């Protein structure tokens, strides 16, 4: 197994997620970019765990925890986006000023 290919894939996914996080204005697309970044982290966890040939599946267990946290983040994040969209008629991140005085 060539580790470099997986690390390059994870770096590309993470970079695409950071780009989406910085450029996109729609809140759903921002959540999607965060998911891409978390999936890149999962790839790194599994690859490094396979590289050290550990008998304990530590990287896979951490990846499952990250997937669980990502699922909760998507559920709560989409619920917040839907509520904001109902009140403001827009899901753009630039137009969200709910905390301003």
PDB file of N, CA and C in Angstrom:
ATOM      1  N   UNK A   1       0.846  -1.175   0.000  1.00  0.00           N
ATOM      2  CA  UNK A   1       0.000   0.000   0.000  1.00  0.00           C
ATOM      3  C   UNK A   1       0.896   1.244   0.000  1.00  0.00           C
ATOM      4  N   UNK A   2       0.588   2.142  -0.897  1.00  0.00           N
ATOM      5  CA  UNK A   2       1.360   3.375  -0.991  1.00  0.00           C
ATOM      6  C   UNK A   2       0.637   4.451  -0.190  1.00  0.00           C
ATOM      7  N   UNK A   3       1.291   4.893   0.863  1.00  0.00           N
ATOM      8  CA  UNK A   3       0.670   5.847   1.779  1.00  0.00           C
ATOM      9  C   UNK A   3       0.578   7.230   1.150  1.00  0.00           C
ATOM     10  N   UNK A   4       1.542   7.565   0.315  1.00  0.00           N
ATOM     11  CA  UNK A   4       1.565   8.911  -0.271  1.00  0.00           C
ATOM     12  C   UNK A   4       0.304   9.219  -1.066  1.00  0.00           C
ATOM     13  N   UNK A   5      -0.228   8.238  -1.774  1.00  0.00           N
ATOM     14  CA  UNK A   5      -1.426   8.478  -2.582  1.00  0.00           C
ATOM     15  C   UNK A   5      -2.618   8.838  -1.699  1.00  0.00           C
ATOM     16  N   UNK A   6      -2.760   8.145  -0.589  1.00  0.00           N
ATOM     17  CA  UNK A   6      -3.866   8.436   0.314  1.00  0.00           C
ATOM     18  C   UNK A   6      -3.692   9.781   1.014  1.00  0.00           C
ATOM     19  N   UNK A   7      -2.452  10.109   1.352  1.00  0.00           N
ATOM     20  CA  UNK A   7      -2.197  11.403   1.981  1.00  0.00           C
ATOM     21  C   UNK A   7      -2.443  12.558   1.013  1.00  0.00           C
ATOM     22  N   UNK A   8      -2.091  12.356  -0.254  1.00  0.00           N
ATOM     23  CA  UNK A   8      -2.370  13.389  -1.255  1.00  0.00           C
ATOM     24  C   UNK A   8      -3.867  13.537  -1.461  1.00  0.00           C
ATOM     25  N   UNK A   9      -4.588  12.418  -1.491  1.00  0.00           N
ATOM     26  CA  UNK A   9      -6.047  12.477  -1.610  1.00  0.00           C
ATOM     27  C   UNK A   9      -6.665  13.216  -0.429  1.00  0.00           C
ATOM     28  N   UNK A  10      -6.204  12.921   0.772  1.00  0.00           N
ATOM     29  CA  UNK A  10      -6.726  13.588   1.964  1.00  0.00           C
ATOM     30  C   UNK A  10      -6.386  15.076   1.947  1.00  0.00           C
ATOM     31  N   UNK A  11      -5.189  15.420   1.505  1.00  0.00           N
ATOM     32  CA  UNK A  11      -4.810  16.835   1.430  1.00  0.00           C
ATOM     33  C   UNK A  11      -5.660  17.576   0.400  1.00  0.00           C
ATOM     34  N   UNK A  12      -5.950  16.937  -0.725  1.00  0.00           N
ATOM     35  CA  UNK A  12      -6.801  17.568  -1.732  1.00  0.00           C
ATOM     36  C   UNK A  12      -8.226  17.750  -1.207  1.00  0.00           C
ATOM     37  N   UNK A  13      -8.752  16.738  -0.528  1.00  0.00           N
ATOM     38  CA  UNK A  13     -10.095  16.858   0.052  1.00  0.00           C
ATOM     39  C   UNK A  13     -10.144  17.961   1.100  1.00  0.00           C
ATOM     40  N   UNK A  14      -9.142  18.010   1.945  1.00  0.00           N
ATOM     41  CA  UNK A  14      -9.111  19.035   2.986  1.00  0.00           C
ATOM     42  C   UNK A  14      -8.992  20.430   2.363  1.00  0.00           C
ATOM     43  N   UNK A  15      -8.145  20.560   1.337  1.00  0.00           N
ATOM     44  CA  UNK A  15      -7.995  21.858   0.666  1.00  0.00           C
ATOM     45  C   UNK A  15      -9.286  22.278  -0.015  1.00  0.00           C
ATOM     46  N   UNK A  16      -9.984  21.327  -0.615  1.00  0.00           N
ATOM     47  CA  UNK A  16     -11.269  21.629  -1.243  1.00  0.00           C
ATOM     48  C   UNK A  16     -12.295  22.059  -0.200  1.00  0.00           C
ATOM     49  N   UNK A  17     -12.241  21.432   0.972  1.00  0.00           N
ATOM     50  CA  UNK A  17     -13.134  21.824   2.057  1.00  0.00           C
ATOM     51  C   UNK A  17     -12.835  23.215   2.584  1.00  0.00           C
ATOM     52  N   UNK A  18     -11.562  23.545   2.739  1.00  0.00           N
ATOM     53  CA  UNK A  18     -11.188  24.892   3.197  1.00  0.00           C
ATOM     54  C   UNK A  18     -11.596  25.933   2.165  1.00  0.00           C
ATOM     55  N   UNK A  19     -11.392  25.623   0.887  1.00  0.00           N
ATOM     56  CA  UNK A  19     -11.804  26.543  -0.174  1.00  0.00           C
ATOM     57  C   UNK A  19     -13.321  26.755  -0.139  1.00  0.00           C
ATOM     58  N   UNK A  20     -14.070  25.678   0.011  1.00  0.00           N
ATOM     59  CA  UNK A  20     -15.522  25.798   0.088  1.00  0.00           C
ATOM     60  C   UNK A  20     -15.980  26.564   1.313  1.00  0.00           C
ATOM     61  N   UNK A  21     -15.269  26.398   2.401  1.00  0.00           N
ATOM     62  CA  UNK A  21     -15.620  27.109   3.631  1.00  0.00           C
ATOM     63  C   UNK A  21     -15.380  28.610   3.498  1.00  0.00           C
ATOM     64  N   UNK A  22     -14.322  28.988   2.796  1.00  0.00           N
ATOM     65  CA  UNK A  22     -13.981  30.398   2.664  1.00  0.00           C
ATOM     66  C   UNK A  22     -14.763  31.109   1.559  1.00  0.00           C
ATOM     67  N   UNK A  23     -15.140  30.390   0.507  1.00  0.00           N
ATOM     68  CA  UNK A  23     -15.730  31.029  -0.666  1.00  0.00           C
ATOM     69  C   UNK A  23     -17.250  30.989  -0.655  1.00  0.00           C
ATOM     70  N   UNK A  24     -17.825  29.883  -0.232  1.00  0.00           N
ATOM     71  CA  UNK A  24     -19.272  29.720  -0.340  1.00  0.00           C
ATOM     72  C   UNK A  24     -20.008  30.634   0.626  1.00  0.00           C
ATOM     73  N   UNK A  25     -21.180  31.069   0.191  1.00  0.00           N
ATOM     74  CA  UNK A  25     -22.008  31.928   1.025  1.00  0.00           C
ATOM     75  C   UNK A  25     -23.235  31.204   1.555  1.00  0.00           C
ATOM     76  N   UNK A  26     -23.613  30.120   0.919  1.00  0.00           N
ATOM     77  CA  UNK A  26     -24.776  29.367   1.353  1.00  0.00           C
ATOM     78  C   UNK A  26     -24.397  28.506   2.558  1.00  0.00           C
ATOM     79  N   UNK A  27     -25.242  28.504   3.574  1.00  0.00           N
ATOM     80  CA  UNK A  27     -24.921  27.789   4.809  1.00  0.00           C
ATOM     81  C   UNK A  27     -24.872  26.280   4.608  1.00  0.00           C
ATOM     82  N   UNK A  28     -25.686  25.763   3.712  1.00  0.00           N
ATOM     83  CA  UNK A  28     -25.664  24.319   3.448  1.00  0.00           C
ATOM     84  C   UNK A  28     -24.343  23.930   2.788  1.00  0.00           C
ATOM     85  N   UNK A  29     -23.853  24.755   1.891  1.00  0.00           N
ATOM     86  CA  UNK A  29     -22.569  24.481   1.241  1.00  0.00           C
ATOM     87  C   UNK A  29     -21.408  24.596   2.230  1.00  0.00           C
ATOM     88  N   UNK A  30     -21.530  25.472   3.200  1.00  0.00           N
ATOM     89  CA  UNK A  30     -20.504  25.574   4.244  1.00  0.00           C
ATOM     90  C   UNK A  30     -20.476  24.287   5.068  1.00  0.00           C
ATOM     91  N   UNK A  31     -21.660  23.754   5.402  1.00  0.00           N
ATOM     92  CA  UNK A  31     -21.706  22.490   6.131  1.00  0.00           C
ATOM     93  C   UNK A  31     -21.121  21.352   5.299  1.00  0.00           C
ATOM     94  N   UNK A  32     -21.369  21.364   3.997  1.00  0.00           N
ATOM     95  CA  UNK A  32     -20.802  20.352   3.119  1.00  0.00           C
ATOM     96  C   UNK A  32     -19.277  20.449   3.079  1.00  0.00           C
ATOM     97  N   UNK A  33     -18.754  21.662   3.092  1.00  0.00           N
ATOM     98  CA  UNK A  33     -17.301  21.847   3.097  1.00  0.00           C
ATOM     99  C   UNK A  33     -16.690  21.330   4.398  1.00  0.00           C
ATOM    100  N   UNK A  34     -17.368  21.538   5.512  1.00  0.00           N
ATOM    101  CA  UNK A  34     -16.886  21.000   6.793  1.00  0.00           C
ATOM    102  C   UNK A  34     -16.884  19.474   6.758  1.00  0.00           C
ATOM    103  N   UNK A  35     -17.892  18.892   6.127  1.00  0.00           N
ATOM    104  CA  UNK A  35     -17.936  17.428   6.002  1.00  0.00           C
ATOM    105  C   UNK A  35     -16.771  16.915   5.167  1.00  0.00           C
ATOM    106  N   UNK A  36     -16.416  17.618   4.108  1.00  0.00           N
ATOM    107  CA  UNK A  36     -15.259  17.214   3.308  1.00  0.00           C
ATOM    108  C   UNK A  36     -13.982  17.235   4.138  1.00  0.00           C
ATOM    109  N   UNK A  37     -13.837  18.256   4.963  1.00  0.00           N
ATOM    110  CA  UNK A  37     -12.651  18.343   5.805  1.00  0.00           C
ATOM    111  C   UNK A  37     -12.608  17.202   6.821  1.00  0.00           C
ATOM    112  N   UNK A  38     -13.752  16.862   7.391  1.00  0.00           N
ATOM    113  CA  UNK A  38     -13.793  15.753   8.352  1.00  0.00           C
ATOM    114  C   UNK A  38     -13.508  14.420   7.679  1.00  0.00           C
ATOM    115  N   UNK A  39     -13.962  14.242   6.444  1.00  0.00           N
ATOM    116  CA  UNK A  39     -13.663  13.007   5.723  1.00  0.00           C
ATOM    117  C   UNK A  39     -12.174  12.899   5.391  1.00  0.00           C
ATOM    118  N   UNK A  40     -11.531  14.015   5.125  1.00  0.00           N
ATOM    119  CA  UNK A  40     -10.086  14.003   4.904  1.00  0.00           C
ATOM    120  C   UNK A  40      -9.354  13.570   6.171  1.00  0.00           C
ATOM    121  N   UNK A  41      -9.828  14.037   7.305  1.00  0.00           N
ATOM    122  CA  UNK A  41      -9.231  13.629   8.584  1.00  0.00           C
ATOM    123  C   UNK A  41      -9.432  12.128   8.803  1.00  0.00           C
ATOM    124  N   UNK A  42     -10.607  11.607   8.450  1.00  0.00           N
ATOM    125  CA  UNK A  42     -10.859  10.174   8.590  1.00  0.00           C
ATOM    126  C   UNK A  42      -9.914   9.350   7.731  1.00  0.00           C
ATOM    127  N   UNK A  43      -9.665   9.803   6.509  1.00  0.00           N
ATOM    128  CA  UNK A  43      -8.726   9.088   5.640  1.00  0.00           C
ATOM    129  C   UNK A  43      -7.342   9.060   6.278  1.00  0.00           C
ATOM    130  N   UNK A  44      -6.910  10.191   6.822  1.00  0.00           N
ATOM    131  CA  UNK A  44      -5.596  10.238   7.477  1.00  0.00           C
ATOM    132  C   UNK A  44      -5.533   9.302   8.673  1.00  0.00           C
ATOM    133  N   UNK A  45      -6.577   9.278   9.470  1.00  0.00           N
ATOM    134  CA  UNK A  45      -6.586   8.403  10.651  1.00  0.00           C
ATOM    135  C   UNK A  45      -6.443   6.935  10.256  1.00  0.00           C
ATOM    136  N   UNK A  46      -7.194   6.512   9.268  1.00  0.00           N
ATOM    137  CA  UNK A  46      -7.151   5.109   8.863  1.00  0.00           C
ATOM    138  C   UNK A  46      -5.823   4.766   8.198  1.00  0.00           C
ATOM    139  N   UNK A  47      -5.289   5.670   7.383  1.00  0.00           N
ATOM    140  CA  UNK A  47      -4.022   5.405   6.707  1.00  0.00           C
ATOM    141  C   UNK A  47      -2.872   5.322   7.702  1.00  0.00           C
ATOM    142  N   UNK A  48      -2.816   6.237   8.658  1.00  0.00           N
ATOM    143  CA  UNK A  48      -1.724   6.187   9.634  1.00  0.00           C
ATOM    144  C   UNK A  48      -1.845   4.971  10.540  1.00  0.00           C
ATOM    145  N   UNK A  49      -3.068   4.562  10.829  1.00  0.00           N
ATOM    146  CA  UNK A  49      -3.249   3.353  11.637  1.00  0.00           C
ATOM    147  C   UNK A  49      -2.791   2.127  10.853  1.00  0.00           C
ATOM    148  N   UNK A  50      -3.061   2.101   9.547  1.00  0.00           N
ATOM    149  CA  UNK A  50      -2.614   0.980   8.720  1.00  0.00           C
ATOM    150  C   UNK A  50      -1.101   1.021   8.506  1.00  0.00           C
ATOM    151  N   UNK A  51      -0.516   2.199   8.514  1.00  0.00           N
ATOM    152  CA  UNK A  51       0.921   2.325   8.266  1.00  0.00           C
ATOM    153  C   UNK A  51       1.743   1.765   9.417  1.00  0.00           C
ATOM    154  N   UNK A  52       1.270   1.941  10.636  1.00  0.00           N
ATOM    155  CA  UNK A  52       2.036   1.419  11.766  1.00  0.00           C
ATOM    156  C   UNK A  52       1.687  -0.039  12.055  1.00  0.00           C
ATOM    157  N   UNK A  53       0.732  -0.583  11.296  1.00  0.00           N
ATOM    158  CA  UNK A  53       0.311  -1.986  11.412  1.00  0.00           C
ATOM    159  C   UNK A  53      -0.013  -2.358  12.851  1.00  0.00           C
ATOM    160  N   UNK A  54      -0.850  -1.544  13.426  1.00  0.00           N
ATOM    161  CA  UNK A  54      -1.248  -1.757  14.807  1.00  0.00           C
ATOM    162  C   UNK A  54      -2.287  -2.869  14.881  1.00  0.00           C
ATOM    163  N   UNK A  55      -2.166  -3.707  15.906  1.00  0.00           N
ATOM    164  CA  UNK A  55      -3.183  -4.748  16.096  1.00  0.00           C
ATOM    165  C   UNK A  55      -4.451  -4.157  16.691  1.00  0.00           C
ATOM    166  N   UNK A  56      -4.307  -3.023  17.353  1.00  0.00           N
ATOM    167  CA  UNK A  56      -5.472  -2.308  17.844  1.00  0.00           C
ATOM    168  C   UNK A  56      -5.973  -1.388  16.737  1.00  0.00           C
ATOM    169  N   UNK A  57      -7.261  -1.333  16.548  1.00  0.00           N
ATOM    170  CA  UNK A  57      -7.852  -0.509  15.486  1.00  0.00           C
ATOM    171  C   UNK A  57      -8.119   0.901  16.007  1.00  0.00           C
ATOM    172  N   UNK A  58      -7.073   1.566  16.448  1.00  0.00           N
ATOM    173  CA  UNK A  58      -7.219   2.878  17.066  1.00  0.00           C
ATOM    174  C   UNK A  58      -7.671   3.914  16.043  1.00  0.00           C
ATOM    175  N   UNK A  59      -7.058   3.939  14.861  1.00  0.00           N
ATOM    176  CA  UNK A  59      -7.431   4.899  13.838  1.00  0.00           C
ATOM    177  C   UNK A  59      -8.856   4.702  13.363  1.00  0.00           C
ATOM    178  N   UNK A  60      -9.270   3.451  13.244  1.00  0.00           N
ATOM    179  CA  UNK A  60     -10.634   3.173  12.807  1.00  0.00           C
ATOM    180  C   UNK A  60     -11.643   3.567  13.872  1.00  0.00           C
ATOM    181  N   UNK A  61     -11.300   3.370  15.128  1.00  0.00           N
ATOM    182  CA  UNK A  61     -12.207   3.767  16.212  1.00  0.00           C
ATOM    183  C   UNK A  61     -12.356   5.276  16.257  1.00  0.00           C
ATOM    184  N   UNK A  62     -11.249   6.003  16.122  1.00  0.00           N
ATOM    185  CA  UNK A  62     -11.332   7.463  16.082  1.00  0.00           C
ATOM    186  C   UNK A  62     -12.123   7.935  14.865  1.00  0.00           C
ATOM    187  N   UNK A  63     -11.964   7.242  13.733  1.00  0.00           N
ATOM    188  CA  UNK A  63     -12.723   7.607  12.533  1.00  0.00           C
ATOM    189  C   UNK A  63     -14.218   7.419  12.767  1.00  0.00           C
ATOM    190  N   UNK A  64     -14.606   6.382  13.475  1.00  0.00           N
ATOM    191  CA  UNK A  64     -16.024   6.163  13.787  1.00  0.00           C
ATOM    192  C   UNK A  64     -16.533   7.268  14.706  1.00  0.00           C
ATOM    193  N   UNK A  65     -15.721   7.688  15.663  1.00  0.00           N
ATOM    194  CA  UNK A  65     -16.118   8.811  16.521  1.00  0.00           C
ATOM    195  C   UNK A  65     -16.282  10.095  15.709  1.00  0.00           C
ATOM    196  N   UNK A  66     -15.388  10.342  14.762  1.00  0.00           N
ATOM    197  CA  UNK A  66     -15.482  11.534  13.928  1.00  0.00           C
ATOM    198  C   UNK A  66     -16.733  11.470  13.057  1.00  0.00           C
ATOM    199  N   UNK A  67     -17.058  10.296  12.533  1.00  0.00           N
ATOM    200  CA  UNK A  67     -18.277  10.139  11.737  1.00  0.00           C
ATOM    201  C   UNK A  67     -19.503  10.406  12.587  1.00  0.00           C
ATOM    202  N   UNK A  68     -19.498   9.945  13.833  1.00  0.00           N
ATOM    203  CA  UNK A  68     -20.627  10.181  14.734  1.00  0.00           C
ATOM    204  C   UNK A  68     -20.794  11.669  15.030  1.00  0.00           C
ATOM    205  N   UNK A  69     -19.700  12.345  15.311  1.00  0.00           N
ATOM    206  CA  UNK A  69     -19.763  13.777  15.577  1.00  0.00           C
ATOM    207  C   UNK A  69     -20.204  14.535  14.319  1.00  0.00           C
ATOM    208  N   UNK A  70     -19.743  14.097  13.158  1.00  0.00           N
ATOM    209  CA  UNK A  70     -20.140  14.748  11.908  1.00  0.00           C
ATOM    210  C   UNK A  70     -21.627  14.567  11.639  1.00  0.00           C
ATOM    211  N   UNK A  71     -22.167  13.400  11.952  1.00  0.00           N
ATOM    212  CA  UNK A  71     -23.601  13.177  11.760  1.00  0.00           C
ATOM    213  C   UNK A  71     -24.423  14.069  12.684  1.00  0.00           C
ATOM    214  N   UNK A  72     -23.979  14.215  13.912  1.00  0.00           N
ATOM    215  CA  UNK A  72     -24.679  15.106  14.846  1.00  0.00           C
ATOM    216  C   UNK A  72     -24.565  16.552  14.390  1.00  0.00           C
ATOM    217  N   UNK A  73     -23.406  16.927  13.886  1.00  0.00           N
ATOM    218  CA  UNK A  73     -23.206  18.294  13.398  1.00  0.00           C
ATOM    219  C   UNK A  73     -24.110  18.590  12.215  1.00  0.00           C
ATOM    220  N   UNK A  74     -24.273  17.641  11.321  1.00  0.00           N
ATOM    221  CA  UNK A  74     -25.144  17.844  10.172  1.00  0.00           C
ATOM    222  C   UNK A  74     -26.595  17.958  10.614  1.00  0.00           C
ATOM    223  N   UNK A  75     -27.015  17.113  11.528  1.00  0.00           N
ATOM    224  CA  UNK A  75     -28.401  17.163  11.998  1.00  0.00           C
ATOM    225  C   UNK A  75     -28.743  18.477  12.664  1.00  0.00           C
ATOM    226  N   UNK A  76     -27.913  18.906  13.568  1.00  0.00           N
ATOM    227  CA  UNK A  76     -28.168  20.161  14.285  1.00  0.00           C
ATOM    228  C   UNK A  76     -27.954  21.363  13.362  1.00  0.00           C
ATOM    229  N   UNK A  77     -26.915  21.306  12.537  1.00  0.00           N
ATOM    230  CA  UNK A  77     -26.642  22.414  11.624  1.00  0.00           C
ATOM    231  C   UNK A  77     -27.756  22.624  10.610  1.00  0.00           C
ATOM    232  N   UNK A  78     -28.261  21.546  10.030  1.00  0.00           N
ATOM    233  CA  UNK A  78     -29.349  21.698   9.067  1.00  0.00           C
ATOM    234  C   UNK A  78     -30.628  22.182   9.735  1.00  0.00           C
ATOM    235  N   UNK A  79     -30.868  21.753  10.960  1.00  0.00           N
ATOM    236  CA  UNK A  79     -32.045  22.247  11.683  1.00  0.00           C
ATOM    237  C   UNK A  79     -31.940  23.751  11.920  1.00  0.00           C
ATOM    238  N   UNK A  80     -30.765  24.220  12.296  1.00  0.00           N
ATOM    239  CA  UNK A  80     -30.562  25.660  12.504  1.00  0.00           C
ATOM    240  C   UNK A  80     -30.707  26.416  11.189  1.00  0.00           C
ATOM    241  N   UNK A  81     -30.166  25.868  10.106  1.00  0.00           N
ATOM    242  CA  UNK A  81     -30.269  26.531   8.805  1.00  0.00           C
ATOM    243  C   UNK A  81     -31.720  26.621   8.359  1.00  0.00           C
ATOM    244  N   UNK A  82     -32.504  25.579   8.572  1.00  0.00           N
ATOM    245  CA  UNK A  82     -33.923  25.600   8.191  1.00  0.00           C
ATOM    246  C   UNK A  82     -34.686  26.628   9.004  1.00  0.00           C
ATOM    247  N   UNK A  83     -34.400  26.712  10.297  1.00  0.00           N
ATOM    248  CA  UNK A  83     -35.075  27.718  11.117  1.00  0.00           C
ATOM    249  C   UNK A  83     -34.705  29.144  10.705  1.00  0.00           C
ATOM    250  N   UNK A  84     -33.446  29.367  10.407  1.00  0.00           N
ATOM    251  CA  UNK A  84     -33.017  30.695   9.976  1.00  0.00           C
ATOM    252  C   UNK A  84     -33.633  31.022   8.614  1.00  0.00           C
ATOM    253  N   UNK A  85     -33.711  30.033   7.733  1.00  0.00           N
ATOM    254  CA  UNK A  85     -34.304  30.264   6.419  1.00  0.00           C
ATOM    255  C   UNK A  85     -35.784  30.607   6.533  1.00  0.00           C
ATOM    256  N   UNK A  86     -36.481  29.976   7.456  1.00  0.00           N
ATOM    257  CA  UNK A  86     -37.900  30.293   7.646  1.00  0.00           C
ATOM    258  C   UNK A  86     -38.094  31.724   8.144  1.00  0.00           C
ATOM    259  N   UNK A  87     -37.223  32.175   9.012  1.00  0.00           N
ATOM    260  CA  UNK A  87     -37.359  33.526   9.567  1.00  0.00           C
ATOM    261  C   UNK A  87     -36.830  34.607   8.631  1.00  0.00           C
ATOM    262  N   UNK A  88     -35.699  34.375   7.994  1.00  0.00           N
ATOM    263  CA  UNK A  88     -35.021  35.408   7.206  1.00  0.00           C
ATOM    264  C   UNK A  88     -35.218  35.276   5.705  1.00  0.00           C
ATOM    265  N   UNK A  89     -35.763  34.149   5.233  1.00  0.00           N
ATOM    266  CA  UNK A  89     -35.950  33.869   3.801  1.00  0.00           C
ATOM    267  C   UNK A  89     -34.630  33.859   3.034  1.00  0.00           C
ATOM    268  N   UNK A  90     -33.549  33.550   3.710  1.00  0.00           N
ATOM    269  CA  UNK A  90     -32.244  33.473   3.073  1.00  0.00           C
ATOM    270  C   UNK A  90     -31.355  32.550   3.904  1.00  0.00           C
ATOM    271  N   UNK A  91     -30.521  31.789   3.202  1.00  0.00           N
ATOM    272  CA  UNK A  91     -29.577  30.912   3.884  1.00  0.00           C
ATOM    273  C   UNK A  91     -28.139  31.369   3.668  1.00  0.00           C
ATOM    274  N   UNK A  92     -27.966  32.598   3.232  1.00  0.00           N
ATOM    275  CA  UNK A  92     -26.626  33.135   3.018  1.00  0.00           C
ATOM    276  C   UNK A  92     -25.971  33.470   4.354  1.00  0.00           C
ATOM    277  N   UNK A  93     -24.720  33.100   4.477  1.00  0.00           N
ATOM    278  CA  UNK A  93     -23.986  33.329   5.713  1.00  0.00           C
ATOM    279  C   UNK A  93     -23.718  34.818   5.920  1.00  0.00           C
ATOM    280  N   UNK A  94     -23.551  35.564   4.827  1.00  0.00           N
ATOM    281  CA  UNK A  94     -23.269  36.997   4.940  1.00  0.00           C
ATOM    282  C   UNK A  94     -24.447  37.780   5.513  1.00  0.00           C
ATOM    283  N   UNK A  95     -25.648  37.289   5.305  1.00  0.00           N
ATOM    284  CA  UNK A  95     -26.839  38.003   5.743  1.00  0.00           C
ATOM    285  C   UNK A  95     -27.297  37.608   7.144  1.00  0.00           C
ATOM    286  N   UNK A  96     -26.580  36.709   7.788  1.00  0.00           N
ATOM    287  CA  UNK A  96     -26.976  36.277   9.125  1.00  0.00           C
ATOM    288  C   UNK A  96     -26.370  37.217  10.158  1.00  0.00           C
ATOM    289  N   UNK A  97     -27.178  38.082  10.703  1.00  0.00           N
ATOM    290  CA  UNK A  97     -26.732  39.011  11.731  1.00  0.00           C
ATOM    291  C   UNK A  97     -27.657  38.921  12.935  1.00  0.00           C
ATOM    292  N   UNK A  98     -27.981  37.707  13.337  1.00  0.00           N
ATOM    293  CA  UNK A  98     -28.920  37.493  14.442  1.00  0.00           C
ATOM    294  C   UNK A  98     -28.351  37.954  15.776  1.00  0.00           C
ATOM    295  N   UNK A  99     -27.049  37.936  15.921  1.00  0.00           N
ATOM    296  CA  UNK A  99     -26.438  38.276  17.201  1.00  0.00           C
ATOM    297  C   UNK A  99     -26.057  39.746  17.302  1.00  0.00           C
ATOM    298  N   UNK A 100     -26.308  40.524  16.263  1.00  0.00           N
ATOM    299  CA  UNK A 100     -25.983  41.944  16.316  1.00  0.00           C
ATOM    300  C   UNK A 100     -27.024  42.693  17.116  1.00  0.00           C
ATOM    301  N   UNK A 101     -26.622  43.831  17.671  1.00  0.00           N
ATOM    302  CA  UNK A 101     -27.549  44.645  18.459  1.00  0.00           C
ATOM    303  C   UNK A 101     -28.415  45.450  17.569  1.00  0.00           C
TER     304      UNK A 101
END
